[in-house]
Amino acid sequence: MNKYQNPLESRYCSDEMLYIFSPEKKFTTWRQLWIALAEIEKELGLDITDQQIQELKDNATNIDYDVAAAYEKKFRHDVMAHVHTYGDVAPSAKAIIHLGATSAFVGDNTDLIQIRDGFQHVKGQLINVIDGLAKFARQYKDLPTLGFTHFQPAQLTTVGKRATLWLQSVLLDLEELEFRIDTLRFRGVKGTTGTAASFKELFDGDYQKVKTLDKKLSERFGFKNVFAVSGQTYDRKIDAQALELLSNIAQSAHKFTNDLRLLQNLKEIEEPFEKNQIGSSAMAYKRNPMRSERIASLAKYVMSLATSPAMVASTQWFERTLDDSANKRLAVPQAFLAIDAILIIWNNILDGLVVYPKIIEKHIAEELPFMATEYIIMEGVKNGGDRQELHEIIRTHSMEAAKQVKMEGKSNDLIERIIADDNVKIDKEKLVELLDPKNFTGFASEQTEEFLKDLVDPIIEENKALLGAHTDLKV
């Protein structure tokens, strides 16, 4: 415990996402790339034997990391360190490992595989968030609640309708995520500066064979798209686009937690609070929204990380410069790990959200009389009253009722005042019936059901194989 530990690893992330960006995943993928390169080069006529390829396959996971570290210290080059480490255990194939390739062949292609696999993992987590929000929205689609603009009471909505606003943001994120997955391009086999000059030499100038090598290798690793042109590296805008997407997901999560923390302060909705959970070391009664706060904290981190690859992409020199390397090693994995943690927590919250209808009703009762005043004036005019006189009467009663609420801490008695005022010509029984909160939610229930049925349910059905894959919180 005398060395810094990354809290994303020790406190927050899933084993699945940690593996995607692990050294084992990285370096075994390097070896799979070298094997595939040798196999396809052999198919295309290069002098590579079955014995060499078999020896590479037999030792694909036989990686001595201490030996690799010693080679890297000697060469100051990570790829060549692993070429030699691989060659030590596959001596007959040593001469053909990395044949014609540049470092970016293993480095960049592996990065793209990790980004793709990270996207797929994020999609599974995101589908579960969508499912959880959809269930919550459907359950509470008819429950009236105060709407807020500027965090001031506004026209009523429903708890479920509000949840569709959170859902809408996540659907936009999923749409972008699926686009990124579908259009992600492999670097493939491009040579040192992207001209494939080394492969031109290997294949005696046969451009068709070089293109076949590029296409076959990309397909072998599951990529239907491959960069038509590149420098030494794939276009660093890919990293910028990937982290911008992760930032967008973080923004949606943060917005959700902002709302939930405010609602928890109002005691209307609470995130889960476990039997033995302690909210405060000093104030024993407290039920702090720690999960929402953790999401908000991690989301800020992800949003800040999105600037790094944008700066890298904009400052690359010509066909390649190495000032992207250290940045990429930090920013890209960290952003994926943090989003993984956010989605784990978000799903945990949705599994145990608690709604308090009676508190919601109480808050509605405090504000609804003010919202009913326009209807009261219109009804009074229809019954022969003067609109301007009624407006003044209602305004005066409203000011007195508000004063009683704010200055004396009493309940809102505006409706009682109006009922007792004979100058307001209105059916008092009809007025009482009108004050059912459901009369003030517009089409919130219908909008919620339609949104879920038309837009959300098809997504859940299409991705139902991804449902239920939750990861427990570590802390």
Protein backbone atom coordinates (compact mmCIF):
# COMPACT_ATOMS: atom_id res chain seq x y z
CA MET A 1 0.00 0.00 0.00
CA ASN A 2 3.00 2.30 -0.32
CA LYS A 3 2.40 3.11 -4.01
CA TYR A 4 -0.32 5.10 -5.71
CA GLN A 5 -3.28 3.03 -6.86
CA ASN A 6 -5.62 4.13 -9.60
CA PRO A 7 -9.05 4.34 -7.91
CA LEU A 8 -10.76 3.49 -11.18
CA GLU A 9 -9.20 0.06 -10.86
CA SER A 10 -9.35 -0.42 -7.09
CA ARG A 11 -12.77 1.16 -6.37
CA TYR A 12 -14.99 1.59 -9.38
CA CYS A 13 -14.55 -0.42 -12.59
CA SER A 14 -15.71 -3.79 -13.83
CA ASP A 15 -13.25 -6.61 -14.46
CA GLU A 16 -14.45 -6.70 -18.07
CA MET A 17 -13.43 -3.12 -18.84
CA LEU A 18 -10.21 -3.46 -16.89
CA TYR A 19 -9.32 -6.48 -19.02
CA ILE A 20 -10.02 -4.67 -22.30
CA PHE A 21 -7.28 -2.15 -21.47
CA SER A 22 -5.00 -4.57 -19.64
CA PRO A 23 -1.41 -5.42 -20.63
CA GLU A 24 -2.49 -9.01 -21.24
CA LYS A 25 -5.17 -7.95 -23.73
CA LYS A 26 -2.76 -5.55 -25.40
CA PHE A 27 0.22 -7.83 -25.81
CA THR A 28 -1.68 -11.01 -26.68
CA THR A 29 -3.46 -8.96 -29.37
CA TRP A 30 -0.06 -7.86 -30.67
CA ARG A 31 0.85 -11.52 -31.05
CA GLN A 32 -2.45 -12.36 -32.74
CA LEU A 33 -1.75 -9.57 -35.22
CA TRP A 34 1.72 -10.92 -35.92
CA ILE A 35 0.30 -14.42 -36.43
CA ALA A 36 -2.38 -13.16 -38.80
CA LEU A 37 0.17 -11.09 -40.72
CA ALA A 38 2.43 -14.11 -41.19
CA GLU A 39 -0.45 -16.41 -42.23
CA ILE A 40 -1.81 -14.03 -44.84
CA GLU A 41 1.66 -13.18 -46.14
CA LYS A 42 2.23 -16.94 -46.57
CA GLU A 43 -1.09 -17.31 -48.41
CA LEU A 44 0.03 -14.53 -50.76
CA GLY A 45 3.28 -16.31 -51.61
CA LEU A 46 5.95 -15.16 -49.15
CA ASP A 47 8.49 -17.72 -47.94
CA ILE A 48 6.97 -18.49 -44.56
CA THR A 49 6.58 -22.08 -43.36
CA ASP A 50 3.79 -23.87 -41.55
CA GLN A 51 6.28 -24.71 -38.81
CA GLN A 52 7.04 -21.04 -38.20
CA ILE A 53 3.36 -20.16 -37.99
CA GLN A 54 2.62 -23.08 -35.69
CA GLU A 55 5.43 -22.04 -33.35
CA LEU A 56 3.98 -18.54 -33.23
CA LYS A 57 0.54 -19.95 -32.39
CA ASP A 58 1.93 -22.32 -29.75
CA ASN A 59 3.49 -19.37 -27.93
CA ALA A 60 0.80 -16.76 -28.50
CA THR A 61 0.16 -16.33 -24.77
CA ASN A 62 3.61 -17.33 -23.54
CA ILE A 63 4.75 -13.80 -22.65
CA ASP A 64 7.60 -13.23 -20.21
CA TYR A 65 6.96 -9.66 -19.12
CA ASP A 66 10.22 -9.43 -17.20
CA VAL A 67 12.17 -10.31 -20.34
CA ALA A 68 10.13 -7.76 -22.32
CA ALA A 69 10.86 -5.08 -19.71
CA ALA A 70 14.59 -5.83 -19.90
CA TYR A 71 14.52 -5.59 -23.71
CA GLU A 72 12.61 -2.31 -23.56
CA LYS A 73 15.13 -0.82 -21.15
CA LYS A 74 17.86 -1.85 -23.58
CA PHE A 75 16.17 -0.76 -26.83
CA ARG A 76 13.94 2.07 -25.50
CA HIS A 77 11.33 0.69 -27.90
CA ASP A 78 8.31 -1.24 -26.66
CA VAL A 79 7.40 -2.97 -29.93
CA MET A 80 10.90 -4.21 -30.66
CA ALA A 81 11.16 -5.39 -27.05
CA HIS A 82 8.16 -7.64 -27.63
CA VAL A 83 9.36 -8.75 -31.06
CA HIS A 84 12.53 -10.07 -29.42
CA THR A 85 10.62 -11.52 -26.47
CA TYR A 86 8.36 -13.41 -28.89
CA GLY A 87 11.33 -14.50 -30.98
CA ASP A 88 13.04 -15.99 -27.91
CA VAL A 89 10.19 -18.50 -27.43
CA ALA A 90 9.54 -19.00 -31.15
CA PRO A 91 13.09 -19.09 -32.56
CA SER A 92 12.24 -20.64 -35.91
CA ALA A 93 9.82 -17.77 -36.57
CA LYS A 94 11.97 -14.98 -35.21
CA ALA A 95 13.07 -13.87 -38.67
CA ILE A 96 9.52 -13.34 -39.97
CA ILE A 97 7.85 -11.72 -36.92
CA HIS A 98 6.68 -8.20 -37.82
CA LEU A 99 7.72 -8.74 -41.45
CA GLY A 100 7.16 -5.53 -43.46
CA ALA A 101 5.32 -3.87 -40.58
CA THR A 102 5.90 -0.73 -38.54
CA SER A 103 5.22 -0.29 -34.83
CA ALA A 104 1.81 1.21 -35.53
CA PHE A 105 0.78 -2.09 -37.11
CA VAL A 106 0.46 -3.68 -33.68
CA GLY A 107 0.09 -0.51 -31.60
CA ASP A 108 -2.61 1.26 -33.57
CA ASN A 109 -4.58 -1.78 -34.63
CA THR A 110 -4.67 -2.97 -31.02
CA ASP A 111 -5.81 0.48 -29.88
CA LEU A 112 -8.69 0.29 -32.36
CA ILE A 113 -9.62 -3.21 -31.17
CA GLN A 114 -9.67 -1.96 -27.59
CA ILE A 115 -11.81 1.05 -28.53
CA ARG A 116 -14.25 -1.22 -30.37
CA ASP A 117 -14.43 -3.71 -27.50
CA GLY A 118 -14.80 -0.82 -25.05
CA PHE A 119 -17.68 0.56 -27.11
CA GLN A 120 -19.39 -2.84 -27.08
CA HIS A 121 -19.07 -3.10 -23.32
CA VAL A 122 -20.40 0.43 -22.86
CA LYS A 123 -23.34 -0.43 -25.10
CA GLY A 124 -24.33 -3.30 -22.83
CA GLN A 125 -24.23 -1.08 -19.78
CA LEU A 126 -26.13 1.68 -21.60
CA ILE A 127 -28.89 -0.68 -22.73
CA ASN A 128 -29.43 -1.64 -19.09
CA VAL A 129 -29.67 2.03 -18.11
CA ILE A 130 -32.26 2.54 -20.85
CA ASP A 131 -34.22 -0.48 -19.62
CA GLY A 132 -34.12 0.74 -16.02
CA LEU A 133 -35.24 4.24 -16.93
CA ALA A 134 -38.00 2.85 -19.16
CA LYS A 135 -39.39 0.69 -16.37
CA PHE A 136 -39.33 3.66 -14.00
CA ALA A 137 -40.99 5.94 -16.56
CA ARG A 138 -43.75 3.44 -17.27
CA GLN A 139 -44.41 2.77 -13.56
CA TYR A 140 -44.82 6.46 -12.76
CA LYS A 141 -46.21 7.81 -16.04
CA ASP A 142 -49.46 8.89 -14.35
CA LEU A 143 -48.06 10.24 -11.05
CA PRO A 144 -48.38 14.06 -11.09
CA THR A 145 -45.47 16.11 -9.83
CA LEU A 146 -44.42 19.72 -9.87
CA GLY A 147 -42.54 20.74 -12.95
CA PHE A 148 -39.67 23.15 -12.45
CA THR A 149 -38.24 25.90 -14.60
CA HIS A 150 -35.30 27.77 -13.08
CA PHE A 151 -35.89 25.39 -10.14
CA GLN A 152 -39.06 27.36 -9.46
CA PRO A 153 -42.44 25.55 -9.38
CA ALA A 154 -44.04 25.46 -12.82
CA GLN A 155 -46.89 23.59 -14.54
CA LEU A 156 -47.32 20.00 -13.43
CA THR A 157 -45.80 17.08 -15.26
CA THR A 158 -45.57 13.44 -14.18
CA VAL A 159 -42.71 11.58 -12.58
CA GLY A 160 -42.64 9.22 -15.56
CA LYS A 161 -42.63 12.04 -18.11
CA ARG A 162 -39.62 13.59 -16.39
CA ALA A 163 -37.84 10.24 -16.65
CA THR A 164 -38.39 10.30 -20.42
CA LEU A 165 -36.27 13.45 -20.56
CA TRP A 166 -33.39 11.52 -18.99
CA LEU A 167 -34.09 8.69 -21.41
CA GLN A 168 -34.09 10.97 -24.43
CA SER A 169 -30.53 12.03 -23.68
CA VAL A 170 -29.40 8.43 -23.34
CA LEU A 171 -31.06 7.48 -26.63
CA LEU A 172 -29.06 10.20 -28.37
CA ASP A 173 -25.92 8.74 -26.81
CA LEU A 174 -26.83 5.23 -27.93
CA GLU A 175 -27.49 6.48 -31.45
CA GLU A 176 -24.04 8.03 -31.58
CA LEU A 177 -22.44 4.97 -29.98
CA GLU A 178 -23.93 2.63 -32.57
CA PHE A 179 -22.79 4.96 -35.34
CA ARG A 180 -19.23 4.90 -33.96
CA ILE A 181 -19.27 1.11 -33.70
CA ASP A 182 -20.61 0.71 -37.24
CA THR A 183 -18.16 3.14 -38.84
CA LEU A 184 -14.99 2.44 -36.83
CA ARG A 185 -12.12 1.79 -39.24
CA PHE A 186 -9.13 -0.50 -38.82
CA ARG A 187 -5.66 0.81 -39.63
CA GLY A 188 -4.76 -2.46 -41.29
CA VAL A 189 -1.42 -2.88 -43.08
CA LYS A 190 -0.05 0.42 -44.32
CA GLY A 191 3.72 0.42 -43.78
CA THR A 192 5.99 3.01 -42.23
CA THR A 193 4.50 6.22 -43.60
CA GLY A 194 1.30 4.78 -45.01
CA THR A 195 2.65 4.14 -48.50
CA ALA A 196 3.10 0.37 -48.03
CA ALA A 197 6.60 0.72 -49.51
CA SER A 198 7.95 -2.24 -47.50
CA PHE A 199 5.13 -4.46 -48.74
CA LYS A 200 5.69 -3.30 -52.30
CA GLU A 201 9.20 -4.66 -51.92
CA LEU A 202 8.04 -7.93 -50.33
CA PHE A 203 5.44 -8.60 -53.02
CA ASP A 204 7.58 -7.47 -55.98
CA GLY A 205 5.41 -4.48 -56.72
CA ASP A 206 2.10 -6.39 -56.78
CA TYR A 207 -0.32 -3.73 -55.50
CA GLN A 208 -3.27 -6.11 -55.62
CA LYS A 209 -1.59 -8.47 -53.16
CA VAL A 210 -0.86 -5.60 -50.79
CA LYS A 211 -4.52 -4.53 -50.91
CA THR A 212 -5.61 -8.14 -50.34
CA LEU A 213 -3.33 -8.38 -47.32
CA ASP A 214 -4.83 -5.19 -45.89
CA LYS A 215 -8.41 -6.32 -46.48
CA LYS A 216 -8.00 -9.88 -45.24
CA LEU A 217 -6.23 -8.87 -42.05
CA SER A 218 -8.87 -6.25 -41.22
CA GLU A 219 -11.68 -8.73 -41.78
CA ARG A 220 -9.95 -11.32 -39.61
CA PHE A 221 -10.17 -8.94 -36.66
CA GLY A 222 -13.82 -8.17 -37.25
CA PHE A 223 -13.60 -4.82 -39.03
CA LYS A 224 -15.71 -4.29 -42.12
CA ASN A 225 -14.20 -0.82 -42.57
CA VAL A 226 -10.51 -0.08 -43.05
CA PHE A 227 -8.75 3.24 -43.62
CA ALA A 228 -8.14 3.72 -47.34
CA VAL A 229 -5.17 5.98 -46.58
CA SER A 230 -3.13 6.76 -43.50
CA GLY A 231 0.18 8.11 -42.40
CA GLN A 232 2.09 5.90 -40.03
CA THR A 233 -0.85 6.01 -37.63
CA TYR A 234 -4.60 5.95 -37.91
CA ASP A 235 -6.23 9.38 -37.92
CA ARG A 236 -6.10 10.61 -34.32
CA LYS A 237 -9.54 12.14 -34.77
CA ILE A 238 -10.78 8.63 -33.97
CA ASP A 239 -9.60 9.07 -30.38
CA ALA A 240 -11.12 12.54 -30.23
CA GLN A 241 -14.45 11.24 -31.53
CA ALA A 242 -14.41 8.31 -29.11
CA LEU A 243 -13.83 10.48 -26.06
CA GLU A 244 -16.35 13.07 -27.21
CA LEU A 245 -18.90 10.25 -27.28
CA LEU A 246 -17.90 9.16 -23.78
CA SER A 247 -18.14 12.79 -22.68
CA ASN A 248 -21.69 12.93 -24.04
CA ILE A 249 -22.65 9.88 -22.00
CA ALA A 250 -21.06 11.49 -18.95
CA GLN A 251 -23.14 14.64 -19.57
CA SER A 252 -26.36 12.61 -19.65
CA ALA A 253 -25.43 10.82 -16.45
CA HIS A 254 -24.50 14.06 -14.72
CA LYS A 255 -27.81 15.68 -15.70
CA PHE A 256 -29.70 12.72 -14.24
CA THR A 257 -27.81 12.96 -10.96
CA ASN A 258 -28.31 16.73 -10.76
CA ASP A 259 -32.05 16.22 -10.92
CA LEU A 260 -32.01 13.28 -8.53
CA ARG A 261 -29.96 15.13 -5.93
CA LEU A 262 -32.39 18.06 -6.05
CA LEU A 263 -35.35 15.70 -5.77
CA GLN A 264 -33.69 13.92 -2.86
CA ASN A 265 -33.33 17.26 -1.11
CA LEU A 266 -37.08 17.75 -1.64
CA LYS A 267 -37.59 14.23 -0.23
CA GLU A 268 -39.61 13.25 -3.31
CA ILE A 269 -37.27 10.60 -4.79
CA GLU A 270 -34.22 8.96 -3.23
CA GLU A 271 -31.41 6.82 -4.52
CA PRO A 272 -30.95 3.46 -2.72
CA PHE A 273 -29.72 3.61 0.86
CA GLU A 274 -28.59 0.31 2.32
CA LYS A 275 -29.44 -0.97 5.79
CA ASN A 276 -25.95 -0.47 7.20
CA GLN A 277 -24.95 2.50 5.05
CA ILE A 278 -23.66 5.58 6.89
CA GLY A 279 -24.58 8.93 5.38
CA SER A 280 -22.34 11.10 7.54
CA SER A 281 -19.64 10.43 10.10
CA ALA A 282 -21.02 13.24 12.26
CA MET A 283 -24.75 13.50 11.47
CA ALA A 284 -26.20 10.04 12.00
CA TYR A 285 -29.59 10.87 10.46
CA LYS A 286 -28.23 11.86 7.04
CA ARG A 287 -28.97 9.98 3.82
CA ASN A 288 -26.48 11.55 1.44
CA PRO A 289 -26.88 10.82 -2.29
CA MET A 290 -23.36 9.35 -2.51
CA ARG A 291 -23.98 7.33 -5.65
CA SER A 292 -25.26 10.34 -7.58
CA GLU A 293 -22.41 12.45 -6.28
CA ARG A 294 -19.90 9.83 -7.37
CA ILE A 295 -21.38 9.78 -10.87
CA ALA A 296 -21.18 13.57 -10.99
CA SER A 297 -17.56 13.49 -9.89
CA LEU A 298 -16.53 10.86 -12.44
CA ALA A 299 -18.55 12.58 -15.18
CA LYS A 300 -16.61 15.80 -14.71
CA TYR A 301 -13.41 13.81 -15.10
CA VAL A 302 -14.56 12.19 -18.35
CA MET A 303 -15.66 15.51 -19.79
CA SER A 304 -12.27 17.01 -18.98
CA LEU A 305 -10.46 14.07 -20.63
CA ALA A 306 -12.21 14.72 -23.94
CA THR A 307 -9.99 17.74 -24.52
CA SER A 308 -6.76 15.67 -24.58
CA PRO A 309 -7.25 13.68 -27.80
CA ALA A 310 -8.70 16.77 -29.46
CA MET A 311 -5.42 18.60 -28.80
CA VAL A 312 -3.43 15.55 -29.92
CA ALA A 313 -5.36 15.23 -33.20
CA SER A 314 -4.90 18.91 -33.98
CA THR A 315 -1.13 18.94 -33.38
CA GLN A 316 0.11 15.82 -35.17
CA TRP A 317 2.95 16.54 -37.61
CA PHE A 318 2.75 15.19 -41.15
CA GLU A 319 2.78 11.37 -41.25
CA ARG A 320 3.50 10.89 -37.51
CA THR A 321 4.87 12.40 -34.33
CA LEU A 322 5.22 10.61 -31.01
CA ASP A 323 3.78 13.28 -28.73
CA ASP A 324 0.49 11.43 -28.89
CA SER A 325 1.79 8.27 -27.23
CA ALA A 326 1.90 9.06 -23.52
CA ASN A 327 -1.32 11.05 -23.81
CA LYS A 328 -3.17 8.17 -25.47
CA ARG A 329 -1.96 5.68 -22.87
CA LEU A 330 -3.60 7.81 -20.19
CA ALA A 331 -6.62 9.58 -21.65
CA VAL A 332 -8.30 6.87 -23.73
CA PRO A 333 -8.28 3.99 -21.21
CA GLN A 334 -9.07 6.30 -18.30
CA ALA A 335 -12.14 7.69 -20.07
CA PHE A 336 -13.47 4.21 -20.84
CA LEU A 337 -12.83 3.05 -17.27
CA ALA A 338 -14.56 6.09 -15.82
CA ILE A 339 -17.62 5.69 -18.08
CA ASP A 340 -17.78 2.03 -17.10
CA ALA A 341 -17.84 3.08 -13.45
CA ILE A 342 -20.53 5.70 -14.12
CA LEU A 343 -22.80 3.18 -15.84
CA ILE A 344 -22.30 0.59 -13.10
CA ILE A 345 -23.40 3.14 -10.50
CA TRP A 346 -26.27 4.41 -12.65
CA ASN A 347 -27.69 0.92 -13.03
CA ASN A 348 -27.31 0.39 -9.29
CA ILE A 349 -29.33 3.55 -8.61
CA LEU A 350 -32.08 2.55 -11.02
CA ASP A 351 -32.37 -0.85 -9.35
CA GLY A 352 -33.44 0.80 -6.10
CA LEU A 353 -34.95 4.24 -6.71
CA VAL A 354 -37.51 5.13 -4.05
CA VAL A 355 -40.46 7.45 -4.79
CA TYR A 356 -42.49 9.17 -2.04
CA PRO A 357 -45.93 10.01 -3.54
CA LYS A 358 -47.26 11.63 -0.35
CA ILE A 359 -44.42 14.17 -0.27
CA ILE A 360 -44.97 14.86 -3.96
CA GLU A 361 -48.70 15.41 -3.27
CA LYS A 362 -47.86 17.78 -0.41
CA HIS A 363 -45.65 19.90 -2.64
CA ILE A 364 -48.32 19.99 -5.34
CA ALA A 365 -50.92 21.10 -2.80
CA GLU A 366 -48.68 23.99 -1.78
CA GLU A 367 -48.41 25.33 -5.34
CA LEU A 368 -51.45 24.13 -7.27
CA PRO A 369 -53.82 26.87 -6.04
CA PHE A 370 -51.64 29.51 -7.73
CA MET A 371 -51.61 27.50 -10.96
CA ALA A 372 -55.42 27.30 -10.95
CA THR A 373 -55.95 31.06 -10.87
CA GLU A 374 -56.11 31.48 -14.67
CA TYR A 375 -58.90 28.90 -14.87
CA ILE A 376 -60.75 30.61 -12.01
CA ILE A 377 -60.63 33.97 -13.77
CA MET A 378 -61.93 32.45 -17.03
CA GLU A 379 -64.75 30.66 -15.23
CA GLY A 380 -65.68 33.86 -13.43
CA VAL A 381 -65.86 35.78 -16.71
CA LYS A 382 -68.08 33.07 -18.24
CA ASN A 383 -70.40 33.51 -15.29
CA GLY A 384 -70.79 37.24 -15.89
CA GLY A 385 -67.81 38.66 -14.04
CA ASP A 386 -65.46 41.44 -15.16
CA ARG A 387 -62.06 40.05 -16.16
CA GLN A 388 -60.08 43.00 -14.77
CA GLU A 389 -61.97 43.07 -11.49
CA LEU A 390 -61.56 39.31 -11.08
CA HIS A 391 -57.85 39.58 -11.87
CA GLU A 392 -57.41 42.15 -9.10
CA ILE A 393 -59.42 40.08 -6.62
CA ILE A 394 -57.40 36.95 -7.39
CA ARG A 395 -54.15 38.93 -7.31
CA THR A 396 -54.96 40.31 -3.87
CA HIS A 397 -55.92 36.91 -2.48
CA SER A 398 -52.78 35.38 -4.04
CA MET A 399 -50.52 37.95 -2.40
CA GLU A 400 -52.12 37.35 0.99
CA ALA A 401 -51.91 33.58 0.64
CA ALA A 402 -48.26 33.79 -0.44
CA LYS A 403 -47.50 36.06 2.49
CA GLN A 404 -49.08 33.57 4.86
CA VAL A 405 -46.97 30.75 3.39
CA LYS A 406 -43.67 32.65 3.31
CA MET A 407 -43.91 34.92 6.36
CA GLU A 408 -45.91 32.77 8.76
CA GLY A 409 -45.08 29.26 7.57
CA LYS A 410 -48.74 28.36 7.18
CA SER A 411 -50.42 26.34 4.45
CA ASN A 412 -51.62 27.81 1.17
CA ASP A 413 -55.26 28.81 1.71
CA LEU A 414 -55.82 30.63 -1.59
CA ILE A 415 -58.65 28.34 -2.69
CA GLU A 416 -60.44 28.73 0.65
CA ARG A 417 -60.18 32.52 0.32
CA ILE A 418 -61.65 32.42 -3.19
CA ILE A 419 -64.47 30.09 -2.18
CA ALA A 420 -65.36 32.46 0.66
CA ASP A 421 -65.38 35.56 -1.59
CA ASP A 422 -68.87 36.20 -2.98
CA ASN A 423 -67.43 38.55 -5.61
CA VAL A 424 -65.99 35.56 -7.43
CA LYS A 425 -68.86 34.04 -9.39
CA ILE A 426 -67.81 30.41 -9.78
CA ASP A 427 -69.22 26.99 -9.04
CA LYS A 428 -67.41 26.14 -5.82
CA GLU A 429 -67.91 22.36 -6.21
CA LYS A 430 -66.56 22.48 -9.73
CA LEU A 431 -63.55 24.40 -8.47
CA VAL A 432 -62.77 21.72 -5.89
CA GLU A 433 -63.09 19.00 -8.56
CA LEU A 434 -60.78 20.95 -10.83
CA LEU A 435 -57.97 20.84 -8.29
CA ASP A 436 -57.28 17.17 -8.96
CA PRO A 437 -53.59 17.33 -9.98
CA LYS A 438 -54.21 14.98 -12.91
CA ASN A 439 -56.14 17.80 -14.58
CA PHE A 440 -52.94 19.84 -14.80
CA THR A 441 -50.46 17.38 -16.38
CA GLY A 442 -51.52 17.93 -19.98
CA PHE A 443 -50.63 14.95 -22.18
CA ALA A 444 -47.70 13.86 -20.01
CA SER A 445 -49.05 10.32 -19.52
CA GLU A 446 -49.84 9.85 -23.19
CA GLN A 447 -46.49 11.30 -24.30
CA THR A 448 -44.66 8.96 -21.94
CA GLU A 449 -46.46 5.84 -23.12
CA GLU A 450 -46.08 6.78 -26.78
CA PHE A 451 -42.37 7.56 -26.37
CA LEU A 452 -41.73 4.24 -24.64
CA LYS A 453 -43.79 2.22 -27.10
CA ASP A 454 -42.47 3.81 -30.30
CA LEU A 455 -38.85 4.60 -29.49
CA VAL A 456 -37.63 2.79 -26.40
CA ASP A 457 -39.27 -0.63 -26.40
CA PRO A 458 -37.95 -1.55 -29.88
CA ILE A 459 -34.40 -0.76 -28.74
CA ILE A 460 -34.78 -2.90 -25.63
CA GLU A 461 -36.26 -5.75 -27.64
CA GLU A 462 -33.49 -5.58 -30.23
CA ASN A 463 -30.84 -5.68 -27.50
CA LYS A 464 -32.52 -7.97 -24.97
CA ALA A 465 -29.51 -10.30 -24.98
CA LEU A 466 -27.56 -7.50 -23.24
CA LEU A 467 -30.03 -7.11 -20.37
CA GLY A 468 -29.22 -8.15 -16.83
CA ALA A 469 -25.43 -7.92 -17.04
CA HIS A 470 -25.01 -5.76 -13.94
CA THR A 471 -21.83 -5.30 -11.96
CA ASP A 472 -22.04 -4.81 -8.19
CA LEU A 473 -20.55 -1.72 -6.59
CA LYS A 474 -17.16 -2.35 -5.04
CA VAL A 475 -17.57 0.39 -2.45
